[in-house]
PDB file of all heavy atoms in Angstrom:
ATOM      1  N   ALA A   1      87.798  -7.902  50.607  1.00  0.00           N
ATOM      2  CA  ALA A   1      86.814  -7.027  49.967  1.00  0.00           C
ATOM      3  C   ALA A   1      87.168  -5.558  50.157  1.00  0.00           C
ATOM      4  O   ALA A   1      86.885  -4.716  49.294  1.00  0.00           O
ATOM      5  CB  ALA A   1      85.418  -7.310  50.526  1.00  0.00           C
ATOM      6  N   ALA A   2      87.793  -5.255  51.296  1.00  0.00           N
ATOM      7  CA  ALA A   2      88.152  -3.868  51.594  1.00  0.00           C
ATOM      8  C   ALA A   2      89.464  -3.441  50.936  1.00  0.00           C
ATOM      9  O   ALA A   2      89.896  -2.294  51.091  1.00  0.00           O
ATOM     10  CB  ALA A   2      88.251  -3.671  53.107  1.00  0.00           C
ATOM     11  N   GLY A   3      90.108  -4.358  50.213  1.00  0.00           N
ATOM     12  CA  GLY A   3      91.313  -4.021  49.469  1.00  0.00           C
ATOM     13  C   GLY A   3      92.607  -4.096  50.240  1.00  0.00           C
ATOM     14  O   GLY A   3      93.638  -3.602  49.779  1.00  0.00           O
ATOM     15  N   PHE A   4      92.598  -4.759  51.402  1.00  0.00           N
ATOM     16  CA  PHE A   4      93.826  -4.895  52.183  1.00  0.00           C
ATOM     17  C   PHE A   4      94.724  -5.962  51.562  1.00  0.00           C
ATOM     18  O   PHE A   4      94.260  -7.032  51.180  1.00  0.00           O
ATOM     19  CB  PHE A   4      93.512  -5.279  53.630  1.00  0.00           C
ATOM     20  CG  PHE A   4      92.969  -4.162  54.460  1.00  0.00           C
ATOM     21  CD1 PHE A   4      91.620  -3.878  54.481  1.00  0.00           C
ATOM     22  CD2 PHE A   4      93.823  -3.358  55.218  1.00  0.00           C
ATOM     23  CE1 PHE A   4      91.115  -2.842  55.242  1.00  0.00           C
ATOM     24  CE2 PHE A   4      93.336  -2.316  55.981  1.00  0.00           C
ATOM     25  CZ  PHE A   4      91.976  -2.052  55.994  1.00  0.00           C
ATOM     26  N   ARG A   5      96.005  -5.649  51.467  1.00  0.00           N
ATOM     27  CA  ARG A   5      96.990  -6.629  51.011  1.00  0.00           C
ATOM     28  C   ARG A   5      97.552  -7.322  52.249  1.00  0.00           C
ATOM     29  O   ARG A   5      98.212  -6.696  53.079  1.00  0.00           O
ATOM     30  CB  ARG A   5      98.104  -5.963  50.208  1.00  0.00           C
ATOM     31  CG  ARG A   5      97.622  -5.338  48.906  1.00  0.00           C
ATOM     32  CD  ARG A   5      98.755  -4.653  48.156  1.00  0.00           C
ATOM     33  NE  ARG A   5      99.782  -5.617  47.775  1.00  0.00           N
ATOM     34  CZ  ARG A   5      99.751  -6.323  46.647  1.00  0.00           C
ATOM     35  NH1 ARG A   5      98.727  -6.197  45.818  1.00  0.00           N
ATOM     36  NH2 ARG A   5     100.722  -7.156  46.355  1.00  0.00           N
ATOM     37  N   ILE A   6      97.279  -8.618  52.372  1.00  0.00           N
ATOM     38  CA  ILE A   6      97.640  -9.378  53.566  1.00  0.00           C
ATOM     39  C   ILE A   6      98.850 -10.252  53.283  1.00  0.00           C
ATOM     40  O   ILE A   6      99.101 -10.640  52.137  1.00  0.00           O
ATOM     41  CB  ILE A   6      96.431 -10.242  54.014  1.00  0.00           C
ATOM     42  CG1 ILE A   6      95.229  -9.342  54.275  1.00  0.00           C
ATOM     43  CG2 ILE A   6      96.754 -11.044  55.262  1.00  0.00           C
ATOM     44  CD1 ILE A   6      95.452  -8.253  55.292  1.00  0.00           C
ATOM     45  N   SER A   7      99.593 -10.585  54.307  1.00  0.00           N
ATOM     46  CA  SER A   7     100.731 -11.492  54.178  1.00  0.00           C
ATOM     47  C   SER A   7     100.332 -12.753  53.415  1.00  0.00           C
ATOM     48  O   SER A   7      99.226 -13.268  53.571  1.00  0.00           O
ATOM     49  CB  SER A   7     101.245 -11.879  55.572  1.00  0.00           C
ATOM     50  OG  SER A   7     102.066 -13.015  55.521  1.00  0.00           O
ATOM     51  N   THR A   8     101.232 -13.267  52.597  1.00  0.00           N
ATOM     52  CA  THR A   8     100.962 -14.498  51.844  1.00  0.00           C
ATOM     53  C   THR A   8     101.285 -15.736  52.663  1.00  0.00           C
ATOM     54  O   THR A   8     101.092 -16.858  52.187  1.00  0.00           O
ATOM     55  CB  THR A   8     101.783 -14.524  50.546  1.00  0.00           C
ATOM     56  OG1 THR A   8     103.184 -14.447  50.861  1.00  0.00           O
ATOM     57  CG2 THR A   8     101.413 -13.355  49.637  1.00  0.00           C
ATOM     58  N   SER A   9     101.796 -15.548  53.878  1.00  0.00           N
ATOM     59  CA  SER A   9     102.153 -16.692  54.714  1.00  0.00           C
ATOM     60  C   SER A   9     100.903 -17.389  55.232  1.00  0.00           C
ATOM     61  O   SER A   9      99.895 -16.759  55.521  1.00  0.00           O
ATOM     62  CB  SER A   9     103.015 -16.247  55.894  1.00  0.00           C
ATOM     63  OG  SER A   9     104.217 -15.664  55.447  1.00  0.00           O
ATOM     64  N   GLY A  10     101.013 -18.715  55.357  1.00  0.00           N
ATOM     65  CA  GLY A  10      99.896 -19.504  55.851  1.00  0.00           C
ATOM     66  C   GLY A  10      99.128 -20.143  54.703  1.00  0.00           C
ATOM     67  O   GLY A  10      99.318 -19.798  53.533  1.00  0.00           O
ATOM     68  N   PRO A  11      98.254 -21.119  54.997  1.00  0.00           N
ATOM     69  CA  PRO A  11      97.407 -21.740  53.982  1.00  0.00           C
ATOM     70  C   PRO A  11      96.577 -20.673  53.265  1.00  0.00           C
ATOM     71  O   PRO A  11      96.312 -19.606  53.834  1.00  0.00           O
ATOM     72  CB  PRO A  11      96.510 -22.695  54.793  1.00  0.00           C
ATOM     73  CG  PRO A  11      97.293 -22.967  56.036  1.00  0.00           C
ATOM     74  CD  PRO A  11      98.036 -21.704  56.338  1.00  0.00           C
ATOM     75  N   PRO A  12      96.133 -20.952  52.029  1.00  0.00           N
ATOM     76  CA  PRO A  12      95.454 -19.919  51.223  1.00  0.00           C
ATOM     77  C   PRO A  12      94.306 -19.219  51.939  1.00  0.00           C
ATOM     78  O   PRO A  12      94.162 -18.005  51.847  1.00  0.00           O
ATOM     79  CB  PRO A  12      94.958 -20.711  50.006  1.00  0.00           C
ATOM     80  CG  PRO A  12      95.909 -21.849  49.878  1.00  0.00           C
ATOM     81  CD  PRO A  12      96.296 -22.207  51.284  1.00  0.00           C
ATOM     82  N   GLU A  13      93.475 -19.992  52.660  1.00  0.00           N
ATOM     83  CA  GLU A  13      92.299 -19.394  53.300  1.00  0.00           C
ATOM     84  C   GLU A  13      92.633 -18.736  54.634  1.00  0.00           C
ATOM     85  O   GLU A  13      91.779 -18.097  55.243  1.00  0.00           O
ATOM     86  CB  GLU A  13      91.200 -20.446  53.489  1.00  0.00           C
ATOM     87  CG  GLU A  13      91.422 -21.439  54.607  1.00  0.00           C
ATOM     88  CD  GLU A  13      92.414 -22.549  54.258  1.00  0.00           C
ATOM     89  OE1 GLU A  13      92.997 -22.514  53.153  1.00  0.00           O
ATOM     90  OE2 GLU A  13      92.606 -23.450  55.101  1.00  0.00           O
ATOM     91  N   ARG A  14      93.891 -18.888  55.111  1.00  0.00           N
ATOM     92  CA  ARG A  14      94.256 -18.320  56.411  1.00  0.00           C
ATOM     93  C   ARG A  14      95.460 -17.386  56.299  1.00  0.00           C
ATOM     94  O   ARG A  14      96.167 -17.177  57.283  1.00  0.00           O
ATOM     95  CB  ARG A  14      94.581 -19.441  57.414  1.00  0.00           C
ATOM     96  CG  ARG A  14      93.414 -20.344  57.701  1.00  0.00           C
ATOM     97  CD  ARG A  14      93.584 -21.104  59.010  1.00  0.00           C
ATOM     98  NE  ARG A  14      94.707 -22.020  59.012  1.00  0.00           N
ATOM     99  CZ  ARG A  14      94.648 -23.284  58.609  1.00  0.00           C
ATOM    100  NH1 ARG A  14      93.520 -23.767  58.141  1.00  0.00           N
ATOM    101  NH2 ARG A  14      95.716 -24.062  58.655  1.00  0.00           N
ATOM    102  N   LYS A  15      95.676 -16.821  55.131  1.00  0.00           N
ATOM    103  CA  LYS A  15      96.839 -15.952  54.948  1.00  0.00           C
ATOM    104  C   LYS A  15      96.791 -14.779  55.929  1.00  0.00           C
ATOM    105  O   LYS A  15      95.791 -14.096  56.055  1.00  0.00           O
ATOM    106  CB  LYS A  15      96.876 -15.434  53.507  1.00  0.00           C
ATOM    107  CG  LYS A  15      97.183 -16.511  52.474  1.00  0.00           C
ATOM    108  CD  LYS A  15      97.323 -15.918  51.100  1.00  0.00           C
ATOM    109  CE  LYS A  15      97.522 -17.000  50.035  1.00  0.00           C
ATOM    110  NZ  LYS A  15      98.681 -17.827  50.268  1.00  0.00           N
ATOM    111  N   GLY A  16      97.915 -14.575  56.613  1.00  0.00           N
ATOM    112  CA  GLY A  16      98.033 -13.454  57.525  1.00  0.00           C
ATOM    113  C   GLY A  16      97.450 -13.671  58.901  1.00  0.00           C
ATOM    114  O   GLY A  16      97.651 -12.857  59.797  1.00  0.00           O
ATOM    115  N   ILE A  17      96.741 -14.779  59.110  1.00  0.00           N
ATOM    116  CA  ILE A  17      96.084 -15.018  60.393  1.00  0.00           C
ATOM    117  C   ILE A  17      97.101 -15.544  61.406  1.00  0.00           C
ATOM    118  O   ILE A  17      97.693 -16.600  61.219  1.00  0.00           O
ATOM    119  CB  ILE A  17      94.920 -16.020  60.248  1.00  0.00           C
ATOM    120  CG1 ILE A  17      93.801 -15.408  59.396  1.00  0.00           C
ATOM    121  CG2 ILE A  17      94.389 -16.430  61.614  1.00  0.00           C
ATOM    122  CD1 ILE A  17      93.119 -14.227  60.038  1.00  0.00           C
ATOM    123  N   VAL A  18      97.299 -14.792  62.477  1.00  0.00           N
ATOM    124  CA  VAL A  18      98.246 -15.195  63.534  1.00  0.00           C
ATOM    125  C   VAL A  18      97.516 -15.538  64.827  1.00  0.00           C
ATOM    126  O   VAL A  18      98.111 -16.054  65.770  1.00  0.00           O
ATOM    127  CB  VAL A  18      99.295 -14.101  63.794  1.00  0.00           C
ATOM    128  CG1 VAL A  18     100.199 -13.915  62.591  1.00  0.00           C
ATOM    129  CG2 VAL A  18      98.631 -12.758  64.167  1.00  0.00           C
ATOM    130  N   GLN A  19      96.208 -15.231  64.904  1.00  0.00           N
ATOM    131  CA  GLN A  19      95.381 -15.587  66.062  1.00  0.00           C
ATOM    132  C   GLN A  19      93.952 -15.750  65.577  1.00  0.00           C
ATOM    133  O   GLN A  19      93.592 -15.297  64.485  1.00  0.00           O
ATOM    134  CB  GLN A  19      95.436 -14.505  67.145  1.00  0.00           C
ATOM    135  CG  GLN A  19      94.781 -13.202  66.702  1.00  0.00           C
ATOM    136  CD  GLN A  19      94.427 -12.272  67.837  1.00  0.00           C
ATOM    137  OE1 GLN A  19      94.625 -11.079  67.708  1.00  0.00           O
ATOM    138  NE2 GLN A  19      93.873 -12.761  68.933  1.00  0.00           N
ATOM    139  N   ARG A  20      93.135 -16.407  66.378  1.00  0.00           N
ATOM    140  CA  ARG A  20      91.732 -16.595  65.993  1.00  0.00           C
ATOM    141  C   ARG A  20      90.824 -16.323  67.188  1.00  0.00           C
ATOM    142  O   ARG A  20      91.226 -16.530  68.340  1.00  0.00           O
ATOM    143  CB  ARG A  20      91.500 -18.022  65.488  1.00  0.00           C
ATOM    144  CG  ARG A  20      92.100 -18.272  64.115  1.00  0.00           C
ATOM    145  CD  ARG A  20      91.870 -19.684  63.658  1.00  0.00           C
ATOM    146  NE  ARG A  20      92.760 -20.632  64.317  1.00  0.00           N
ATOM    147  CZ  ARG A  20      92.836 -21.917  64.008  1.00  0.00           C
ATOM    148  NH1 ARG A  20      92.072 -22.418  63.066  1.00  0.00           N
ATOM    149  NH2 ARG A  20      93.678 -22.708  64.644  1.00  0.00           N
ATOM    150  N   LEU A  21      89.620 -15.880  66.896  1.00  0.00           N
ATOM    151  CA  LEU A  21      88.557 -15.783  67.883  1.00  0.00           C
ATOM    152  C   LEU A  21      87.421 -16.687  67.436  1.00  0.00           C
ATOM    153  O   LEU A  21      87.175 -16.829  66.232  1.00  0.00           O
ATOM    154  CB  LEU A  21      88.030 -14.341  67.993  1.00  0.00           C
ATOM    155  CG  LEU A  21      88.935 -13.273  68.603  1.00  0.00           C
ATOM    156  CD1 LEU A  21      88.199 -11.935  68.613  1.00  0.00           C
ATOM    157  CD2 LEU A  21      89.370 -13.647  70.006  1.00  0.00           C
ATOM    158  N   ASP A  22      86.723 -17.305  68.392  1.00  0.00           N
ATOM    159  CA  ASP A  22      85.562 -18.121  68.052  1.00  0.00           C
ATOM    160  C   ASP A  22      84.551 -17.283  67.273  1.00  0.00           C
ATOM    161  O   ASP A  22      84.462 -16.061  67.455  1.00  0.00           O
ATOM    162  CB  ASP A  22      84.871 -18.635  69.315  1.00  0.00           C
ATOM    163  CG  ASP A  22      85.748 -19.544  70.149  1.00  0.00           C
ATOM    164  OD1 ASP A  22      86.766 -20.026  69.612  1.00  0.00           O
ATOM    165  OD2 ASP A  22      85.415 -19.770  71.325  1.00  0.00           O
ATOM    166  N   VAL A  23      83.745 -17.953  66.464  1.00  0.00           N
ATOM    167  CA  VAL A  23      82.701 -17.271  65.710  1.00  0.00           C
ATOM    168  C   VAL A  23      81.807 -16.455  66.631  1.00  0.00           C
ATOM    169  O   VAL A  23      81.456 -15.311  66.341  1.00  0.00           O
ATOM    170  CB  VAL A  23      81.860 -18.293  64.911  1.00  0.00           C
ATOM    171  CG1 VAL A  23      80.610 -17.629  64.336  1.00  0.00           C
ATOM    172  CG2 VAL A  23      82.684 -18.920  63.791  1.00  0.00           C
ATOM    173  N   GLY A  24      81.435 -17.020  67.779  1.00  0.00           N
ATOM    174  CA  GLY A  24      80.522 -16.354  68.691  1.00  0.00           C
ATOM    175  C   GLY A  24      81.176 -15.376  69.640  1.00  0.00           C
ATOM    176  O   GLY A  24      80.482 -14.783  70.476  1.00  0.00           O
ATOM    177  N   THR A  25      82.486 -15.197  69.544  1.00  0.00           N
ATOM    178  CA  THR A  25      83.205 -14.254  70.413  1.00  0.00           C
ATOM    179  C   THR A  25      83.555 -13.004  69.615  1.00  0.00           C
ATOM    180  O   THR A  25      84.062 -13.096  68.496  1.00  0.00           O
ATOM    181  CB  THR A  25      84.490 -14.889  70.969  1.00  0.00           C
ATOM    182  OG1 THR A  25      84.150 -16.061  71.714  1.00  0.00           O
ATOM    183  CG2 THR A  25      85.243 -13.925  71.863  1.00  0.00           C
ATOM    184  N   SER A  26      83.268 -11.856  70.191  1.00  0.00           N
ATOM    185  CA  SER A  26      83.572 -10.590  69.523  1.00  0.00           C
ATOM    186  C   SER A  26      84.857  -9.996  70.090  1.00  0.00           C
ATOM    187  O   SER A  26      85.351 -10.419  71.126  1.00  0.00           O
ATOM    188  CB  SER A  26      82.409  -9.612  69.710  1.00  0.00           C
ATOM    189  OG  SER A  26      82.064  -9.514  71.093  1.00  0.00           O
ATOM    190  N   GLY A  27      85.378  -8.983  69.382  1.00  0.00           N
ATOM    191  CA  GLY A  27      86.523  -8.261  69.910  1.00  0.00           C
ATOM    192  C   GLY A  27      87.721  -8.200  68.997  1.00  0.00           C
ATOM    193  O   GLY A  27      87.621  -8.386  67.782  1.00  0.00           O
ATOM    194  N   LEU A  28      88.879  -7.953  69.594  1.00  0.00           N
ATOM    195  CA  LEU A  28      90.081  -7.571  68.864  1.00  0.00           C
ATOM    196  C   LEU A  28      90.881  -8.738  68.304  1.00  0.00           C
ATOM    197  O   LEU A  28      91.098  -9.738  68.986  1.00  0.00           O
ATOM    198  CB  LEU A  28      90.983  -6.746  69.781  1.00  0.00           C
ATOM    199  CG  LEU A  28      90.383  -5.416  70.261  1.00  0.00           C
ATOM    200  CD1 LEU A  28      91.216  -4.835  71.392  1.00  0.00           C
ATOM    201  CD2 LEU A  28      90.291  -4.423  69.106  1.00  0.00           C
ATOM    202  N   MET A  29      91.294  -8.586  67.075  1.00  0.00           N
ATOM    203  CA  MET A  29      92.186  -9.529  66.394  1.00  0.00           C
ATOM    204  C   MET A  29      93.228  -8.750  65.614  1.00  0.00           C
ATOM    205  O   MET A  29      92.918  -7.713  65.024  1.00  0.00           O
ATOM    206  CB  MET A  29      91.415 -10.398  65.396  1.00  0.00           C
ATOM    207  CG  MET A  29      90.774 -11.637  65.913  1.00  0.00           C
ATOM    208  SD  MET A  29      90.011 -12.561  64.540  1.00  0.00           S
ATOM    209  CE  MET A  29      91.460 -12.894  63.501  1.00  0.00           C
ATOM    210  N   VAL A  30      94.466  -9.249  65.580  1.00  0.00           N
ATOM    211  CA  VAL A  30      95.496  -8.658  64.736  1.00  0.00           C
ATOM    212  C   VAL A  30      95.774  -9.598  63.574  1.00  0.00           C
ATOM    213  O   VAL A  30      95.818 -10.816  63.735  1.00  0.00           O
ATOM    214  CB  VAL A  30      96.797  -8.361  65.533  1.00  0.00           C
ATOM    215  CG1 VAL A  30      97.392  -9.632  66.143  1.00  0.00           C
ATOM    216  CG2 VAL A  30      97.831  -7.671  64.638  1.00  0.00           C
ATOM    217  N   VAL A  31      95.939  -9.020  62.384  1.00  0.00           N
ATOM    218  CA  VAL A  31      96.240  -9.777  61.171  1.00  0.00           C
ATOM    219  C   VAL A  31      97.517  -9.197  60.572  1.00  0.00           C
ATOM    220  O   VAL A  31      97.700  -7.975  60.537  1.00  0.00           O
ATOM    221  CB  VAL A  31      95.090  -9.686  60.149  1.00  0.00           C
ATOM    222  CG1 VAL A  31      95.416 -10.472  58.888  1.00  0.00           C
ATOM    223  CG2 VAL A  31      93.782 -10.195  60.771  1.00  0.00           C
ATOM    224  N   ALA A  32      98.422 -10.067  60.125  1.00  0.00           N
ATOM    225  CA  ALA A  32      99.701  -9.615  59.560  1.00  0.00           C
ATOM    226  C   ALA A  32      99.527  -9.222  58.100  1.00  0.00           C
ATOM    227  O   ALA A  32      98.908  -9.941  57.318  1.00  0.00           O
ATOM    228  CB  ALA A  32     100.742 -10.718  59.683  1.00  0.00           C
ATOM    229  N   LYS A  33     100.101  -8.083  57.743  1.00  0.00           N
ATOM    230  CA  LYS A  33     100.076  -7.628  56.356  1.00  0.00           C
ATOM    231  C   LYS A  33     101.392  -7.931  55.642  1.00  0.00           C
ATOM    232  O   LYS A  33     101.406  -8.206  54.452  1.00  0.00           O
ATOM    233  CB  LYS A  33      99.788  -6.129  56.298  1.00  0.00           C
ATOM    234  CG  LYS A  33      98.390  -5.752  56.773  1.00  0.00           C
ATOM    235  CD  LYS A  33      98.175  -4.243  56.791  1.00  0.00           C
ATOM    236  CE  LYS A  33      98.163  -3.646  55.411  1.00  0.00           C
ATOM    237  NZ  LYS A  33      97.870  -2.194  55.458  1.00  0.00           N
ATOM    238  N   SER A  34     102.505  -7.872  56.365  1.00  0.00           N
ATOM    239  CA  SER A  34     103.809  -8.154  55.753  1.00  0.00           C
ATOM    240  C   SER A  34     104.312  -9.513  56.196  1.00  0.00           C
ATOM    241  O   SER A  34     103.884 -10.055  57.216  1.00  0.00           O
ATOM    242  CB  SER A  34     104.825  -7.072  56.149  1.00  0.00           C
ATOM    243  OG  SER A  34     105.124  -7.153  57.543  1.00  0.00           O
ATOM    244  N   GLU A  35     105.232 -10.073  55.416  1.00  0.00           N
ATOM    245  CA  GLU A  35     105.806 -11.376  55.770  1.00  0.00           C
ATOM    246  C   GLU A  35     106.591 -11.281  57.081  1.00  0.00           C
ATOM    247  O   GLU A  35     106.535 -12.191  57.908  1.00  0.00           O
ATOM    248  CB  GLU A  35     106.731 -11.871  54.647  1.00  0.00           C
ATOM    249  CG  GLU A  35     106.087 -11.916  53.259  1.00  0.00           C
ATOM    250  CD  GLU A  35     104.759 -12.668  53.275  1.00  0.00           C
ATOM    251  OE1 GLU A  35     104.702 -13.773  53.827  1.00  0.00           O
ATOM    252  OE2 GLU A  35     103.790 -12.139  52.721  1.00  0.00           O
TER     253      GLU A  35
END
């Protein structure tokens, strides 16, 4: 929604995701933008 172009790697709904946090856990996550 914010217009970020994310890496196309990974399943369609998880593109760019290299780590996860639980729904109920807050804090820092890194997401890949380039392959």
